[in-house]
């Protein structure tokens, strides 16, 4: 049975969706079965694959609000990535956003029950959470086996990590005793900036061996994904961002192999 991993940060623009899209694509290219779940009502994950409000008839909203079978809201992501699937949030209006959030508010374990039905079909299920510690994020943490926190390589992003940790500990105490830390990922690192080395050192000092060795650089190619509607490895495998996510996928597979043995 696979792992469910929530990608969580209270701060927007730190690389949550980029990590879901590109890490998921790299793992699928390495012959792992991967499901990406769009938890953010802004539907950023769906746009990265062309499954915005015109490309998906139903999605996570219909599954949790109306009881539509989860198998009916799973879409293939890309012709060249047959092992990578997507569940879009499919939230198109303010009314639907209220229904979406309200469903998880009324029943915090609802998402968990939905995902348990497809968990055996995948090696990794990544939940792309909104940049808030609200009901969808809490529901994701309740459903998850672990959580991954992208940390933009700057001091403002570092300051929000403690809030994420406290929120996760609260969910672990009240709802999900198995919830663990998958890892902390340094993102958007600018090698030209003088403070980059110091920020990386402080993150590693504070979070120790929970920080991935791989660092995701600031790369314009990663910003092109919503327009290109495909992961970076599909259009520029040699870009710094693509190489970093390939390295991250290998690091994760090596660590998981070590845990199994």
Protein backbone atom coordinates (compact mmCIF):
# COMPACT_ATOMS: atom_id res chain seq x y z
CA UNK A 1 0.00 0.00 0.00
CA UNK A 2 1.23 3.49 -0.87
CA UNK A 3 1.96 6.59 1.15
CA UNK A 4 -0.29 9.64 1.43
CA UNK A 5 1.81 12.80 1.77
CA UNK A 6 0.36 16.27 2.38
CA UNK A 7 2.40 19.14 0.95
CA UNK A 8 1.81 21.93 3.45
CA UNK A 9 2.86 25.53 4.07
CA UNK A 10 1.10 28.52 5.56
CA UNK A 11 2.91 30.80 3.12
CA UNK A 12 1.94 31.07 -0.52
CA UNK A 13 4.41 31.05 -3.38
CA UNK A 14 6.90 28.67 -1.77
CA UNK A 15 6.63 25.88 -4.34
CA UNK A 16 3.89 23.56 -3.03
CA UNK A 17 2.18 23.02 -6.36
CA UNK A 18 5.46 23.02 -8.26
CA UNK A 19 6.73 20.31 -5.93
CA UNK A 20 3.58 18.22 -6.31
CA UNK A 21 3.68 18.48 -10.11
CA UNK A 22 7.38 17.97 -10.66
CA UNK A 23 8.17 15.50 -7.89
CA UNK A 24 5.13 13.46 -8.87
CA UNK A 25 6.21 13.50 -12.52
CA UNK A 26 9.76 12.43 -11.67
CA UNK A 27 8.61 9.57 -9.45
CA UNK A 28 6.21 8.38 -12.13
CA UNK A 29 9.01 8.52 -14.72
CA UNK A 30 10.92 6.23 -12.34
CA UNK A 31 8.07 3.71 -12.63
CA UNK A 32 6.19 4.60 -9.46
CA UNK A 33 2.42 4.97 -9.52
CA UNK A 34 1.57 8.50 -8.36
CA UNK A 35 -1.68 10.33 -7.68
CA UNK A 36 -1.79 14.11 -7.25
CA UNK A 37 -4.79 15.55 -5.39
CA UNK A 38 -5.63 19.23 -5.71
CA UNK A 39 -6.75 20.44 -2.28
CA UNK A 40 -6.54 24.16 -3.04
CA UNK A 41 -9.82 25.75 -4.21
CA UNK A 42 -7.67 28.01 -6.43
CA UNK A 43 -7.17 24.88 -8.59
CA UNK A 44 -3.51 25.58 -9.38
CA UNK A 45 -2.70 21.89 -9.74
CA UNK A 46 -5.40 21.38 -12.35
CA UNK A 47 -4.14 24.33 -14.41
CA UNK A 48 -0.66 22.80 -14.53
CA UNK A 49 -2.10 19.92 -16.55
CA UNK A 50 -4.81 21.72 -18.47
CA UNK A 51 -7.52 20.33 -16.19
CA UNK A 52 -8.99 23.65 -15.11
CA UNK A 53 -12.70 24.33 -14.90
CA UNK A 54 -13.15 23.59 -18.61
CA UNK A 55 -11.12 20.38 -18.63
CA UNK A 56 -12.62 18.40 -15.75
CA UNK A 57 -16.32 17.75 -15.43
CA UNK A 58 -16.09 16.49 -11.88
CA UNK A 59 -13.40 16.40 -9.22
CA UNK A 60 -12.70 16.25 -5.51
CA UNK A 61 -15.61 18.62 -4.79
CA UNK A 62 -18.13 16.15 -6.21
CA UNK A 63 -16.53 13.22 -4.43
CA UNK A 64 -16.70 14.77 -0.95
CA UNK A 65 -19.90 16.80 -1.42
CA UNK A 66 -22.02 14.42 -3.49
CA UNK A 67 -20.48 11.03 -2.81
CA UNK A 68 -19.27 10.48 -6.38
CA UNK A 69 -16.95 7.46 -6.46
CA UNK A 70 -13.32 8.57 -6.25
CA UNK A 71 -12.46 6.36 -9.22
CA UNK A 72 -14.68 8.61 -11.38
CA UNK A 73 -12.77 11.81 -10.56
CA UNK A 74 -9.27 10.52 -11.40
CA UNK A 75 -7.77 11.82 -14.65
CA UNK A 76 -4.62 10.87 -16.56
CA UNK A 77 -2.06 13.65 -16.39
CA UNK A 78 0.12 13.42 -19.47
CA UNK A 79 0.55 11.07 -22.42
CA UNK A 80 4.23 10.57 -21.63
CA UNK A 81 3.59 9.96 -17.92
CA UNK A 82 1.11 7.07 -17.85
CA UNK A 83 1.71 6.32 -14.16
CA UNK A 84 0.77 9.85 -13.03
CA UNK A 85 -2.90 10.59 -12.27
CA UNK A 86 -4.71 13.66 -10.94
CA UNK A 87 -7.78 14.47 -8.90
CA UNK A 88 -8.55 18.18 -9.49
CA UNK A 89 -10.34 20.20 -6.84
CA UNK A 90 -12.84 21.37 -9.48
CA UNK A 91 -14.05 24.34 -7.41
CA UNK A 92 -15.34 27.02 -9.79
CA UNK A 93 -17.43 29.48 -7.78
CA UNK A 94 -17.52 31.04 -4.33
CA UNK A 95 -20.63 28.98 -3.55
CA UNK A 96 -18.81 25.78 -4.46
CA UNK A 97 -15.81 26.84 -2.40
CA UNK A 98 -18.09 27.25 0.61
CA UNK A 99 -19.58 23.80 0.01
CA UNK A 100 -16.13 22.28 -0.44
CA UNK A 101 -14.75 23.75 2.78
CA UNK A 102 -17.99 23.14 4.66
CA UNK A 103 -18.03 19.44 3.79
CA UNK A 104 -14.62 18.94 5.37
CA UNK A 105 -15.53 21.14 8.32
CA UNK A 106 -18.55 18.98 9.13
CA UNK A 107 -16.62 15.71 8.78
CA UNK A 108 -12.85 15.95 9.22
CA UNK A 109 -12.33 12.27 8.27
CA UNK A 110 -14.25 12.50 4.99
CA UNK A 111 -11.20 12.99 2.79
CA UNK A 112 -9.40 10.16 4.55
CA UNK A 113 -12.21 7.74 3.77
CA UNK A 114 -12.28 8.84 0.12
CA UNK A 115 -8.55 8.34 -0.37
CA UNK A 116 -8.38 5.01 1.45
CA UNK A 117 -10.35 3.50 -1.46
CA UNK A 118 -7.56 4.23 -3.94
CA UNK A 119 -4.52 4.12 -1.66
CA UNK A 120 -3.67 0.51 -2.61
CA UNK A 121 -3.48 1.54 -6.29
CA UNK A 122 -0.58 3.98 -5.85
CA UNK A 123 2.93 4.14 -4.45
CA UNK A 124 2.62 7.85 -3.60
CA UNK A 125 -0.40 10.12 -3.19
CA UNK A 126 0.52 13.80 -2.85
CA UNK A 127 -2.04 16.28 -1.49
CA UNK A 128 -1.38 19.80 -2.79
CA UNK A 129 -2.76 21.93 0.06
CA UNK A 130 -3.80 25.60 0.01
CA UNK A 131 -1.45 28.18 1.57
CA UNK A 132 -3.50 28.28 4.76
CA UNK A 133 -3.91 26.03 7.77
CA UNK A 134 -7.67 25.84 7.21
CA UNK A 135 -10.16 22.99 6.84
CA UNK A 136 -8.79 21.50 3.57
CA UNK A 137 -5.26 21.48 5.00
CA UNK A 138 -6.43 19.96 8.27
CA UNK A 139 -8.40 17.31 6.37
CA UNK A 140 -5.27 16.54 4.33
CA UNK A 141 -3.21 16.10 7.49
CA UNK A 142 -5.88 13.81 8.93
CA UNK A 143 -5.75 11.69 5.76
CA UNK A 144 -1.96 11.71 5.39
CA UNK A 145 0.69 9.33 6.60
CA UNK A 146 3.18 12.21 6.62
CA UNK A 147 3.66 15.79 5.47
CA UNK A 148 6.23 17.61 3.35
CA UNK A 149 6.94 21.30 3.98
CA UNK A 150 8.51 23.42 1.20
CA UNK A 151 10.55 26.28 2.66
CA UNK A 152 11.42 29.13 0.34
CA UNK A 153 15.04 30.09 0.84
CA UNK A 154 14.35 33.31 2.71
CA UNK A 155 13.75 34.33 6.32
CA UNK A 156 10.04 35.12 5.91
CA UNK A 157 9.31 31.55 4.86
CA UNK A 158 11.34 30.13 7.74
CA UNK A 159 9.20 32.05 10.22
CA UNK A 160 6.04 30.11 9.24
CA UNK A 161 7.47 26.63 9.78
CA UNK A 162 6.70 26.63 13.51
CA UNK A 163 3.01 27.22 12.83
CA UNK A 164 2.89 24.28 10.45
CA UNK A 165 4.58 22.04 13.02
CA UNK A 166 2.13 23.10 15.75
CA UNK A 167 -0.85 22.50 13.46
CA UNK A 168 0.46 19.05 12.53
CA UNK A 169 1.06 18.14 16.16
CA UNK A 170 -2.51 19.16 17.00
CA UNK A 171 -3.89 16.97 14.20
CA UNK A 172 -1.67 14.11 15.34
CA UNK A 173 -2.92 14.46 18.93
CA UNK A 174 -6.59 14.71 18.08
CA UNK A 175 -7.16 12.82 14.84
CA UNK A 176 -4.21 10.99 13.28
CA UNK A 177 -1.67 9.36 15.56
CA UNK A 178 0.33 7.95 12.62
CA UNK A 179 1.09 11.38 11.11
CA UNK A 180 4.82 11.89 10.68
CA UNK A 181 7.24 14.25 8.95
CA UNK A 182 8.12 13.28 5.39
CA UNK A 183 10.67 16.07 5.13
CA UNK A 184 11.43 19.75 4.69
CA UNK A 185 12.38 20.92 1.21
CA UNK A 186 14.36 24.10 0.54
CA UNK A 187 12.95 25.75 -2.57
CA UNK A 188 13.55 28.79 -4.80
CA UNK A 189 17.18 29.09 -3.72
CA UNK A 190 19.11 31.80 -5.54
CA UNK A 191 22.77 30.86 -5.68
CA UNK A 192 23.64 34.44 -6.60
CA UNK A 193 22.20 35.84 -3.36
CA UNK A 194 24.76 36.32 -0.59
CA UNK A 195 22.35 35.27 2.17
CA UNK A 196 21.41 31.93 0.55
CA UNK A 197 24.18 29.94 2.25
CA UNK A 198 23.32 31.43 5.63
CA UNK A 199 19.60 30.72 5.27
CA UNK A 200 20.28 27.12 4.23
CA UNK A 201 22.61 26.66 7.20
CA UNK A 202 20.01 28.01 9.62
CA UNK A 203 17.27 25.78 8.20
CA UNK A 204 19.47 22.71 8.54
CA UNK A 205 20.55 23.73 12.05
CA UNK A 206 16.93 24.13 13.16
CA UNK A 207 15.36 21.12 11.40
CA UNK A 208 18.43 18.87 11.27
CA UNK A 209 18.23 15.61 9.32
CA UNK A 210 14.58 16.18 8.42
CA UNK A 211 15.72 18.54 5.64
CA UNK A 212 16.24 16.94 2.23
CA UNK A 213 19.76 17.17 0.86
CA UNK A 214 18.33 18.27 -2.47
CA UNK A 215 17.75 22.02 -2.84
CA UNK A 216 15.36 23.30 -5.50
CA UNK A 217 16.84 26.34 -7.27
CA UNK A 218 15.02 29.39 -8.51
CA UNK A 219 14.49 28.53 -12.17
CA UNK A 220 12.35 30.44 -14.72
CA UNK A 221 11.54 27.11 -16.39
CA UNK A 222 9.54 26.06 -13.32
CA UNK A 223 7.41 29.20 -13.63
CA UNK A 224 6.39 28.19 -17.17
CA UNK A 225 4.49 25.10 -16.05
CA UNK A 226 0.97 26.66 -15.79
CA UNK A 227 1.30 27.99 -19.36
CA UNK A 228 2.88 24.85 -20.80
CA UNK A 229 0.45 22.62 -18.92
CA UNK A 230 3.02 19.92 -18.20
CA UNK A 231 5.84 19.16 -15.74
CA UNK A 232 9.26 20.63 -16.41
CA UNK A 233 10.80 17.23 -17.23
CA UNK A 234 8.46 17.06 -20.23
CA UNK A 235 9.90 20.16 -21.91
CA UNK A 236 13.34 20.87 -20.46
CA UNK A 237 14.93 17.92 -18.74
CA UNK A 238 18.30 19.67 -18.55
CA UNK A 239 17.05 22.78 -16.75
CA UNK A 240 18.27 23.31 -13.17
CA UNK A 241 14.75 22.84 -11.81
CA UNK A 242 14.21 19.58 -13.66
CA UNK A 243 17.56 18.18 -12.56
CA UNK A 244 16.82 19.13 -8.94
CA UNK A 245 13.44 17.39 -8.88
CA UNK A 246 14.95 14.28 -10.49
CA UNK A 247 17.57 14.33 -7.73
CA UNK A 248 14.88 14.77 -5.08
CA UNK A 249 12.91 11.81 -6.44
CA UNK A 250 16.04 9.66 -6.30
CA UNK A 251 16.74 10.81 -2.75
CA UNK A 252 13.21 9.86 -1.68
CA UNK A 253 13.35 6.45 -3.37
CA UNK A 254 16.71 5.72 -1.76
CA UNK A 255 15.38 6.71 1.67
CA UNK A 256 12.22 4.63 1.24
CA UNK A 257 14.27 1.66 0.12
CA UNK A 258 16.37 2.03 3.26
CA UNK A 259 13.26 2.14 5.45
CA UNK A 260 11.90 -1.02 3.85
CA UNK A 261 15.12 -2.96 4.43
